[in-house]
Amino acid sequence: MADPTALAAAFWARFRADGGVDRAAVRALAGLAIGDGEQTARAVAVLFGEVVEPLGDAFGVAEAHAYVDVFAEVIDVARRHPRAAAIDRGLADLGLTNGQIAARGHRWLDADPAPVEGELRLAVVLSKVTLGAEIFQAATIVDALLARYPGCRVLFVGPEGSRGVFLGNDRVDFRAVDYPRRGDLLTRLAAWPAARAIVREATAGLPEASWLVVDPDSRITQLNLLPVAPDARTRFFPSRTIQRPGIERLGELAADWAHGLFGTRGTPTVWLTADARAWADRLLAQLRPHARLWAAVNFGVGANERKRVGPDFERAVLRGLIADRLGVLLSRGVTDGEVAATNALCEGLAAEGVDVVHLPPDGDPVALAAPGQRQLVTWQAPTERMAALVAAADLHVGYDSAGQHVASAVGTPGVTAFVPSAGPRFVRRWSTWGRGPARVVVVEPGGTDTATAVRQTLAAAADLLAAAATRRR
């Protein structure tokens, strides 16, 4: 049996030599990524983590077109499997063969989408899947849509964790479609027929000119190679290839792209519910007597360890914030690994004398009533409460992940420790943008020592807090 790593190496050797795609290597890797067991899991990790995602994260024209060719082969391998009958049937209904999928994908990357004419009654917006991208790009486009079409409803289709971004807006409906980041290739691709069925149901009977599908470069459709609606009723945001003079950040690019379609600009947004705001306000009210300023800190990396500086950095940043008389609201994270890492940090700090309190999963602040200094409080919360807590805090500190985009969207000053594992263009694309003032501290892998990264992060935090105090005066 072929080795997944060797197949990925063969792909990159060919691409770097002449820009071509080793289709045989890609097809062999896709075949290994179907099934069960440790070998399949490894093949899935290599296919997405070492081929597909690096092509996308390069934000280059050649890499994006290679992504199209790669994923057209992946789809062709997948649709032939007995478990993929729904995928094959959907592609057959659309008359899409492997060559047609690739040719169509290349056209979408290069297309300049036509402005939308008429008044929309329904806009179906597909999920970016990861929460940070949801806020930075998809919600920016939704914000523009809602402003332009006051009589239009938005149907957002994505994983359950994204629901909390939109809960506070009664013009946005939500339909859950799971895109698992675990499981084999067919498990991931199964999100497409599910999303396509939702779109067909939602638009049935509507006049064609009254509805639109907006694909903000969703993982569900993989560069829109797996379409959920006719091309005439689809607008695809080509995030991998779009270029605008003087604009680098994806949020701004999404806003500019939406302006070209609808004539209105959006901004990254989280629509908070009154209940979530009230919970966060009650929590901070109990904590303010212990520290005047509170920093929400999130060291989650969305299962991408390349974004993480490391536990020594995290421990030193927490120590520094507490030494500067800030209270710390530390997210325990989402995955088991993140929770374990947070617990280890807290155990070490508690041994040094830091007062640590863990809120229960339901967020009940009763634990705060016990005696103590309340220097560090850990918490876990669903998306809407997480965003409300960041909004109520005075500062956000974290890695390049969802937290930085939440902070910017809700107006909280934020510092991002950014490890440029995918290169400088990746940093420019994902540096946050929105209502909240932000600083980015670039931590070069192997090039920035921990002490320097800590010093720069704490200095940026102090600068943002000082600026906020000046504005309040």
Protein backbone atom coordinates (compact mmCIF):
# COMPACT_ATOMS: atom_id res chain seq x y z
CA MET A 1 0.00 0.00 0.00
CA ALA A 2 1.30 3.45 -0.91
CA ASP A 3 2.40 5.77 1.87
CA PRO A 4 0.29 8.97 2.18
CA THR A 5 3.30 11.13 3.00
CA ALA A 6 5.18 9.83 -0.04
CA LEU A 7 2.18 10.60 -2.26
CA ALA A 8 2.01 14.16 -0.90
CA ALA A 9 5.74 14.54 -1.52
CA ALA A 10 5.27 13.37 -5.11
CA PHE A 11 2.51 15.93 -5.59
CA TRP A 12 4.67 18.80 -4.30
CA ALA A 13 7.72 17.69 -6.26
CA ARG A 14 5.74 17.91 -9.50
CA PHE A 15 4.00 21.18 -8.58
CA ARG A 16 7.23 22.90 -7.61
CA ALA A 17 8.98 21.64 -10.71
CA ASP A 18 6.53 22.83 -13.36
CA GLY A 19 3.26 23.89 -11.69
CA GLY A 20 1.56 20.67 -12.76
CA VAL A 21 -0.58 18.31 -10.70
CA ASP A 22 0.45 14.69 -10.20
CA ARG A 23 -3.03 13.32 -10.73
CA ALA A 24 -2.04 9.73 -10.07
CA ALA A 25 -0.62 10.65 -6.67
CA VAL A 26 -3.73 12.68 -5.80
CA ARG A 27 -6.09 9.88 -6.83
CA ALA A 28 -4.11 7.31 -4.84
CA LEU A 29 -4.17 9.57 -1.78
CA ALA A 30 -7.93 10.16 -2.15
CA GLY A 31 -8.50 6.42 -2.36
CA LEU A 32 -6.57 5.87 0.87
CA ALA A 33 -8.67 8.58 2.56
CA ILE A 34 -11.85 6.50 2.26
CA GLY A 35 -12.64 3.90 4.89
CA ASP A 36 -11.95 3.30 8.56
CA GLY A 37 -8.93 2.85 10.74
CA GLU A 38 -5.64 4.49 11.50
CA GLN A 39 -4.29 4.35 7.93
CA THR A 40 -7.37 6.12 6.59
CA ALA A 41 -7.18 8.80 9.29
CA ARG A 42 -3.55 9.40 8.39
CA ALA A 43 -4.39 9.67 4.68
CA VAL A 44 -7.18 12.17 5.42
CA ALA A 45 -4.80 14.25 7.53
CA VAL A 46 -2.21 14.25 4.75
CA LEU A 47 -4.70 14.98 1.95
CA PHE A 48 -6.22 17.99 3.69
CA GLY A 49 -3.41 19.10 6.00
CA GLU A 50 -0.46 18.66 3.62
CA VAL A 51 -1.97 19.19 0.17
CA VAL A 52 -5.38 20.91 0.06
CA GLU A 53 -4.98 23.39 2.92
CA PRO A 54 -1.46 24.54 1.96
CA LEU A 55 -2.71 25.20 -1.58
CA GLY A 56 -5.57 27.29 -0.22
CA ASP A 57 -3.52 29.06 2.45
CA ALA A 58 -0.99 30.25 -0.14
CA PHE A 59 -3.59 32.69 -1.55
CA GLY A 60 -1.85 32.46 -4.91
CA VAL A 61 -3.38 32.13 -8.37
CA ALA A 62 -1.30 29.10 -9.39
CA GLU A 63 -1.98 27.34 -6.09
CA ALA A 64 -5.72 28.02 -6.29
CA HIS A 65 -5.96 26.58 -9.80
CA ALA A 66 -3.96 23.56 -8.64
CA TYR A 67 -6.48 23.22 -5.79
CA VAL A 68 -9.22 22.99 -8.42
CA ASP A 69 -7.42 20.24 -10.31
CA VAL A 70 -6.62 18.37 -7.11
CA PHE A 71 -10.13 18.45 -5.76
CA ALA A 72 -11.71 17.56 -9.10
CA GLU A 73 -9.68 14.33 -8.94
CA VAL A 74 -10.61 13.82 -5.29
CA ILE A 75 -14.32 14.19 -6.14
CA ASP A 76 -14.00 11.80 -9.08
CA VAL A 77 -12.44 9.13 -6.86
CA ALA A 78 -15.01 9.67 -4.13
CA ARG A 79 -18.11 9.56 -6.34
CA ARG A 80 -17.20 6.07 -7.57
CA HIS A 81 -17.36 4.56 -4.08
CA PRO A 82 -20.52 2.63 -3.10
CA ARG A 83 -20.99 4.84 -0.05
CA ALA A 84 -21.08 7.96 -2.24
CA ALA A 85 -24.28 7.27 -4.14
CA ALA A 86 -25.86 10.57 -3.07
CA ILE A 87 -22.80 12.52 -4.22
CA ASP A 88 -22.64 10.74 -7.58
CA ARG A 89 -26.38 11.15 -8.11
CA GLY A 90 -26.19 14.87 -7.38
CA LEU A 91 -23.29 15.40 -9.78
CA ALA A 92 -25.04 13.33 -12.45
CA ASP A 93 -28.19 15.46 -12.04
CA LEU A 94 -26.02 18.49 -12.78
CA GLY A 95 -24.36 16.76 -15.74
CA LEU A 96 -20.91 17.20 -14.20
CA THR A 97 -18.14 14.84 -15.22
CA ASN A 98 -14.62 15.10 -13.83
CA GLY A 99 -13.36 17.28 -16.69
CA GLN A 100 -16.41 19.54 -16.48
CA ILE A 101 -15.98 19.95 -12.71
CA ALA A 102 -12.41 21.15 -13.16
CA ALA A 103 -13.15 23.43 -16.13
CA ARG A 104 -16.05 25.01 -14.29
CA GLY A 105 -13.91 25.50 -11.18
CA HIS A 106 -11.22 27.34 -13.11
CA ARG A 107 -13.84 29.67 -14.58
CA TRP A 108 -15.22 30.51 -11.13
CA LEU A 109 -11.78 31.44 -9.84
CA ASP A 110 -11.28 33.90 -12.67
CA ALA A 111 -14.84 35.21 -12.91
CA ASP A 112 -15.86 38.78 -12.16
CA PRO A 113 -19.36 38.23 -10.74
CA ALA A 114 -22.20 40.27 -12.14
CA PRO A 115 -23.97 42.72 -9.82
CA VAL A 116 -27.27 41.44 -8.47
CA GLU A 117 -30.32 42.97 -10.12
CA GLY A 118 -33.77 43.36 -8.65
CA GLU A 119 -34.95 42.90 -5.07
CA LEU A 120 -34.07 39.70 -3.25
CA ARG A 121 -36.55 37.96 -0.99
CA LEU A 122 -34.18 35.21 0.10
CA ALA A 123 -30.39 34.92 0.24
CA VAL A 124 -28.92 31.55 1.15
CA VAL A 125 -25.42 32.00 2.59
CA LEU A 126 -23.17 28.99 2.99
CA SER A 127 -20.88 28.51 5.95
CA LYS A 128 -17.12 28.93 5.96
CA VAL A 129 -17.23 26.19 8.68
CA THR A 130 -14.55 27.64 10.98
CA LEU A 131 -15.92 30.24 13.40
CA GLY A 132 -13.31 32.92 12.77
CA ALA A 133 -13.85 32.77 9.00
CA GLU A 134 -17.60 32.80 9.61
CA ILE A 135 -17.36 36.16 11.32
CA PHE A 136 -14.60 37.64 9.20
CA GLN A 137 -16.04 36.81 5.78
CA ALA A 138 -19.50 35.23 5.81
CA ALA A 139 -21.00 37.59 8.41
CA THR A 140 -19.46 40.57 6.60
CA ILE A 141 -21.35 39.57 3.47
CA VAL A 142 -24.55 38.92 5.45
CA ASP A 143 -24.25 42.39 6.98
CA ALA A 144 -24.08 43.92 3.49
CA LEU A 145 -27.05 41.85 2.29
CA LEU A 146 -29.25 42.88 5.19
CA ALA A 147 -28.42 46.54 4.64
CA ARG A 148 -29.15 46.46 0.91
CA TYR A 149 -32.37 44.39 0.96
CA PRO A 150 -34.57 45.37 3.91
CA GLY A 151 -37.27 42.93 2.81
CA CYS A 152 -34.89 40.00 2.37
CA ARG A 153 -34.40 37.08 4.73
CA VAL A 154 -31.10 35.28 5.01
CA LEU A 155 -30.90 31.52 5.40
CA PHE A 156 -27.51 30.56 6.79
CA VAL A 157 -26.45 26.96 6.21
CA GLY A 158 -23.61 25.62 8.33
CA PRO A 159 -22.49 23.67 11.40
CA GLU A 160 -24.35 24.10 14.67
CA GLY A 161 -21.48 26.00 16.30
CA SER A 162 -22.02 28.89 13.87
CA ARG A 163 -25.63 29.48 14.92
CA GLY A 164 -24.58 31.78 17.75
CA VAL A 165 -23.10 34.31 15.34
CA PHE A 166 -26.58 35.13 14.03
CA LEU A 167 -28.94 34.41 16.96
CA GLY A 168 -29.47 38.08 17.75
CA ASN A 169 -30.84 38.94 14.29
CA ASP A 170 -34.42 37.92 13.62
CA ARG A 171 -33.97 38.26 9.85
CA VAL A 172 -31.48 35.39 9.75
CA ASP A 173 -32.70 31.80 9.80
CA PHE A 174 -30.33 28.90 10.37
CA ARG A 175 -30.20 25.34 9.05
CA ALA A 176 -27.55 23.05 10.48
CA VAL A 177 -25.31 21.02 8.19
CA ASP A 178 -22.40 19.24 9.77
CA TYR A 179 -18.99 19.43 8.12
CA PRO A 180 -16.96 17.12 10.34
CA ARG A 181 -13.28 17.84 10.68
CA ARG A 182 -12.83 14.22 11.63
CA GLY A 183 -13.85 11.13 9.70
CA ASP A 184 -12.95 9.97 6.24
CA LEU A 185 -13.22 11.80 2.92
CA LEU A 186 -16.78 10.64 2.22
CA THR A 187 -17.94 11.79 5.66
CA ARG A 188 -16.75 15.30 4.85
CA LEU A 189 -18.19 15.37 1.34
CA ALA A 190 -21.58 14.25 2.67
CA ALA A 191 -22.19 17.86 3.75
CA TRP A 192 -22.69 18.80 0.09
CA PRO A 193 -25.84 16.78 -0.78
CA ALA A 194 -27.31 17.81 2.59
CA ALA A 195 -26.73 21.51 1.84
CA ARG A 196 -28.00 21.14 -1.72
CA ALA A 197 -31.23 19.58 -0.45
CA ILE A 198 -31.75 22.49 1.96
CA VAL A 199 -31.26 25.04 -0.83
CA ARG A 200 -33.67 23.24 -3.16
CA GLU A 201 -36.31 23.05 -0.44
CA ALA A 202 -35.89 26.70 0.60
CA THR A 203 -36.11 28.07 -2.94
CA ALA A 204 -38.86 25.81 -4.30
CA GLY A 205 -41.66 27.91 -5.72
CA LEU A 206 -39.83 31.22 -5.47
CA PRO A 207 -39.46 33.34 -8.60
CA GLU A 208 -35.93 32.80 -9.89
CA ALA A 209 -34.94 36.45 -9.70
CA SER A 210 -36.01 36.70 -6.05
CA TRP A 211 -33.37 34.45 -4.50
CA LEU A 212 -29.62 34.00 -4.52
CA VAL A 213 -27.01 31.65 -3.10
CA VAL A 214 -23.87 33.31 -1.76
CA ASP A 215 -20.89 31.00 -1.43
CA PRO A 216 -18.15 32.79 0.56
CA ASP A 217 -15.66 30.05 -0.45
CA SER A 218 -17.31 27.42 1.72
CA ARG A 219 -15.66 24.14 2.64
CA ILE A 220 -19.01 22.52 1.92
CA THR A 221 -18.62 23.24 -1.82
CA GLN A 222 -14.80 23.19 -2.10
CA LEU A 223 -14.21 26.26 -4.31
CA ASN A 224 -17.78 25.83 -5.60
CA LEU A 225 -16.78 22.62 -7.40
CA LEU A 226 -19.84 21.08 -5.72
CA PRO A 227 -22.58 23.60 -6.59
CA VAL A 228 -25.76 23.82 -4.52
CA ALA A 229 -27.70 25.98 -7.04
CA PRO A 230 -27.62 26.92 -10.72
CA ASP A 231 -24.68 29.11 -11.64
CA ALA A 232 -26.98 32.00 -12.61
CA ARG A 233 -28.33 32.09 -9.04
CA THR A 234 -24.93 31.74 -7.36
CA ARG A 235 -22.27 34.26 -6.42
CA PHE A 236 -18.92 32.86 -5.33
CA PHE A 237 -16.39 34.90 -3.32
CA PRO A 238 -12.98 33.82 -4.70
CA SER A 239 -11.07 34.35 -1.48
CA ARG A 240 -7.97 32.51 -2.74
CA THR A 241 -7.45 34.65 -5.84
CA ILE A 242 -9.24 37.97 -5.30
CA GLN A 243 -7.05 41.06 -5.59
CA ARG A 244 -7.96 44.65 -4.79
CA PRO A 245 -5.44 47.54 -4.86
CA GLY A 246 -4.46 48.50 -1.34
CA ILE A 247 -6.63 45.85 0.33
CA GLU A 248 -5.10 42.77 1.92
CA ARG A 249 -7.34 41.51 4.74
CA LEU A 250 -10.03 38.99 3.91
CA GLY A 251 -12.70 40.88 5.82
CA GLU A 252 -12.07 44.03 3.80
CA LEU A 253 -11.89 42.03 0.59
CA ALA A 254 -15.25 40.42 1.40
CA ALA A 255 -16.74 43.84 2.13
CA ASP A 256 -15.45 45.25 -1.16
CA TRP A 257 -16.68 42.20 -3.10
CA ALA A 258 -20.13 42.52 -1.51
CA HIS A 259 -20.21 46.22 -2.41
CA GLY A 260 -19.63 45.30 -6.04
CA LEU A 261 -22.60 42.91 -5.96
CA PHE A 262 -25.10 44.74 -3.79
CA GLY A 263 -23.90 48.35 -3.59
CA THR A 264 -23.50 48.15 0.20
CA ARG A 265 -20.53 47.31 2.43
CA GLY A 266 -20.67 45.11 5.49
CA THR A 267 -18.35 44.68 8.43
CA PRO A 268 -17.48 41.59 10.49
CA THR A 269 -20.43 41.20 12.85
CA VAL A 270 -21.77 39.01 15.64
CA TRP A 271 -25.45 39.59 16.38
CA LEU A 272 -25.63 39.13 20.16
CA THR A 273 -28.80 38.14 21.98
CA ALA A 274 -30.06 40.10 24.97
CA ASP A 275 -29.79 36.94 27.11
CA ALA A 276 -26.11 36.44 26.21
CA ARG A 277 -25.31 40.09 26.94
CA ALA A 278 -27.12 39.92 30.29
CA TRP A 279 -25.18 36.80 31.31
CA ALA A 280 -21.84 38.41 30.44
CA ASP A 281 -22.76 41.66 32.20
CA ARG A 282 -23.75 39.80 35.38
CA LEU A 283 -20.49 37.89 35.33
CA LEU A 284 -18.34 41.01 34.89
CA ALA A 285 -20.32 42.88 37.53
CA GLN A 286 -19.32 40.23 40.07
CA LEU A 287 -15.69 40.43 38.99
CA ARG A 288 -15.14 44.20 38.78
CA PRO A 289 -14.62 44.59 42.55
CA HIS A 290 -11.60 42.27 42.24
CA ALA A 291 -10.00 43.99 39.22
CA ARG A 292 -11.04 47.14 37.38
CA LEU A 293 -10.06 45.73 33.97
CA TRP A 294 -10.58 42.19 32.65
CA ALA A 295 -8.92 40.50 29.69
CA ALA A 296 -10.60 37.66 27.83
CA VAL A 297 -7.81 35.25 26.85
CA ASN A 298 -8.20 32.39 24.39
CA PHE A 299 -5.29 30.15 23.53
CA GLY A 300 -7.36 27.85 21.31
CA VAL A 301 -5.96 27.13 17.85
CA GLY A 302 -8.80 25.26 16.16
CA ALA A 303 -6.85 21.96 16.19
CA ASN A 304 -4.02 23.59 14.20
CA GLU A 305 -1.01 23.36 16.48
CA ARG A 306 1.12 25.33 14.02
CA LYS A 307 -0.68 28.47 15.22
CA ARG A 308 0.45 27.96 18.81
CA VAL A 309 3.54 29.62 20.26
CA GLY A 310 3.66 27.25 23.24
CA PRO A 311 2.91 26.81 26.94
CA ASP A 312 5.88 28.87 28.13
CA PHE A 313 4.57 31.85 26.16
CA GLU A 314 1.03 31.33 27.42
CA ARG A 315 2.08 31.03 31.05
CA ALA A 316 4.25 34.16 30.85
CA VAL A 317 1.50 36.21 29.17
CA LEU A 318 -0.98 35.23 31.88
CA ARG A 319 1.55 36.11 34.58
CA GLY A 320 2.21 39.46 32.90
CA LEU A 321 -1.46 40.39 32.61
CA ILE A 322 -2.05 39.54 36.26
CA ALA A 323 1.08 41.49 37.29
CA ASP A 324 -0.37 44.49 35.43
CA ARG A 325 -3.46 44.18 37.68
CA LEU A 326 -5.77 42.81 35.01
CA GLY A 327 -8.18 40.06 35.84
CA VAL A 328 -8.03 37.19 33.36
CA LEU A 329 -11.03 35.38 31.83
CA LEU A 330 -9.33 32.32 30.36
CA SER A 331 -11.23 30.16 27.89
CA ARG A 332 -10.80 26.47 28.61
CA GLY A 333 -11.04 25.78 24.88
CA VAL A 334 -13.16 23.42 22.82
CA THR A 335 -11.21 20.21 22.24
CA ASP A 336 -10.08 17.79 24.94
CA GLY A 337 -6.49 18.76 24.18
CA GLU A 338 -7.20 22.48 24.66
CA VAL A 339 -8.98 21.83 27.96
CA ALA A 340 -6.09 19.69 29.19
CA ALA A 341 -3.56 22.37 28.22
CA THR A 342 -5.60 25.05 30.02
CA ASN A 343 -5.86 22.92 33.14
CA ALA A 344 -2.08 22.42 33.13
CA LEU A 345 -1.51 26.18 32.85
CA CYS A 346 -3.90 26.84 35.72
CA GLU A 347 -2.37 24.21 37.97
CA GLY A 348 1.06 25.77 37.51
CA LEU A 349 -0.20 29.30 38.18
CA ALA A 350 -2.21 28.18 41.21
CA ALA A 351 0.94 26.59 42.62
CA GLU A 352 2.59 30.02 42.31
CA GLY A 353 -0.20 31.62 44.34
CA VAL A 354 -2.56 32.87 41.65
CA ASP A 355 -6.23 32.65 42.66
CA VAL A 356 -7.88 30.41 40.06
CA VAL A 357 -11.63 29.73 39.82
CA HIS A 358 -13.31 27.45 37.28
CA LEU A 359 -16.83 28.38 36.20
CA PRO A 360 -19.05 25.33 35.62
CA PRO A 361 -20.01 24.48 32.02
CA ASP A 362 -23.43 26.13 32.46
CA GLY A 363 -21.72 29.45 33.26
CA ASP A 364 -23.39 29.82 36.67
CA PRO A 365 -21.27 32.43 38.49
CA VAL A 366 -22.08 30.95 41.93
CA ALA A 367 -18.45 29.77 42.17
CA LEU A 368 -17.37 33.43 42.26
CA ALA A 369 -19.11 33.95 45.61
CA ALA A 370 -16.45 32.00 47.52
CA PRO A 371 -13.66 33.97 49.24
CA GLY A 372 -10.67 34.81 47.06
CA GLN A 373 -8.88 37.44 45.02
CA ARG A 374 -10.41 36.41 41.69
CA GLN A 375 -7.33 36.84 39.54
CA LEU A 376 -8.02 34.16 36.92
CA VAL A 377 -11.41 32.67 35.98
CA THR A 378 -11.74 29.87 33.44
CA TRP A 379 -14.88 29.32 31.43
CA GLN A 380 -16.50 27.42 28.58
CA ALA A 381 -19.52 28.72 26.71
CA PRO A 382 -21.45 28.37 23.46
CA THR A 383 -20.68 30.81 20.66
CA GLU A 384 -23.20 33.48 21.63
CA ARG A 385 -22.05 33.64 25.26
CA MET A 386 -18.40 33.52 24.27
CA ALA A 387 -18.91 36.51 21.99
CA ALA A 388 -20.88 38.39 24.66
CA LEU A 389 -18.13 37.80 27.22
CA VAL A 390 -15.49 39.13 24.81
CA ALA A 391 -17.75 42.14 24.18
CA ALA A 392 -18.05 42.82 27.92
CA ALA A 393 -14.30 42.47 28.54
CA ASP A 394 -11.81 45.31 28.26
CA LEU A 395 -9.27 43.40 26.15
CA HIS A 396 -8.86 40.19 24.18
CA VAL A 397 -5.58 38.29 23.86
CA GLY A 398 -5.11 35.13 21.83
CA TYR A 399 -3.80 33.39 18.77
CA ASP A 400 -4.94 33.60 15.14
CA SER A 401 -8.28 31.94 15.74
CA ALA A 402 -11.94 32.80 16.26
CA GLY A 403 -11.35 35.00 19.31
CA GLN A 404 -9.48 37.73 17.43
CA HIS A 405 -12.32 38.09 14.92
CA VAL A 406 -14.98 38.07 17.64
CA ALA A 407 -13.15 40.86 19.47
CA SER A 408 -12.82 42.96 16.36
CA ALA A 409 -16.47 42.42 15.43
CA VAL A 410 -17.84 43.42 18.86
CA GLY A 411 -15.45 46.36 19.30
CA THR A 412 -13.12 45.00 22.00
CA PRO A 413 -9.41 45.89 21.68
CA GLY A 414 -7.45 42.78 20.78
CA VAL A 415 -3.90 41.48 20.55
CA THR A 416 -3.15 38.52 18.29
CA ALA A 417 0.04 36.48 18.62
CA PHE A 418 0.33 35.32 15.02
CA VAL A 419 2.62 32.46 13.98
CA PRO A 420 3.08 32.83 10.18
CA SER A 421 3.27 29.10 9.49
CA ALA A 422 1.78 29.60 6.02
CA GLY A 423 3.85 32.66 5.07
CA PRO A 424 3.53 36.45 5.22
CA ARG A 425 0.62 36.66 2.77
CA PHE A 426 -1.40 34.40 5.09
CA VAL A 427 -0.77 36.85 7.94
CA ARG A 428 -1.89 39.77 5.80
CA ARG A 429 -5.05 37.95 4.71
CA TRP A 430 -6.07 36.84 8.21
CA SER A 431 -5.06 39.88 10.26
CA THR A 432 -8.30 40.96 11.82
CA TRP A 433 -10.38 43.97 10.78
CA GLY A 434 -13.52 45.49 12.23
CA ARG A 435 -14.79 47.84 14.90
CA GLY A 436 -12.30 46.86 17.60
CA PRO A 437 -8.75 48.29 17.55
CA ALA A 438 -6.23 45.51 17.04
CA ARG A 439 -2.52 44.76 17.20
CA VAL A 440 -0.77 41.80 15.60
CA VAL A 441 2.42 40.42 17.11
CA VAL A 442 4.13 38.21 14.51
CA VAL A 443 6.00 35.37 16.18
CA GLU A 444 8.34 33.80 13.64
CA PRO A 445 8.75 30.04 14.16
CA GLY A 446 12.31 29.53 15.32
CA GLY A 447 13.04 33.23 14.83
CA THR A 448 11.32 35.00 17.74
CA ASP A 449 12.32 33.93 21.22
CA THR A 450 9.61 33.44 23.82
CA ALA A 451 10.70 36.35 26.01
CA THR A 452 10.52 38.78 23.08
CA ALA A 453 7.10 37.48 22.02
CA VAL A 454 5.79 37.88 25.57
CA ARG A 455 7.22 41.38 25.90
CA GLN A 456 5.70 42.48 22.56
CA THR A 457 2.32 40.98 23.40
CA LEU A 458 2.11 42.64 26.81
CA ALA A 459 3.31 45.96 25.40
CA ALA A 460 0.64 45.84 22.69
CA ALA A 461 -1.99 45.07 25.33
CA ALA A 462 -0.86 48.01 27.47
CA ASP A 463 -0.93 50.35 24.47
CA LEU A 464 -4.47 49.33 23.54
CA LEU A 465 -5.73 49.75 27.10
CA ALA A 466 -4.08 53.16 27.38
CA ALA A 467 -5.68 54.25 24.10
CA ALA A 468 -9.07 53.02 25.29
CA ALA A 469 -8.70 54.98 28.53
CA THR A 470 -7.84 58.11 26.57
CA ARG A 471 -10.95 57.71 24.39
CA ARG A 472 -13.13 57.31 27.48
CA ARG A 473 -11.79 60.60 28.87
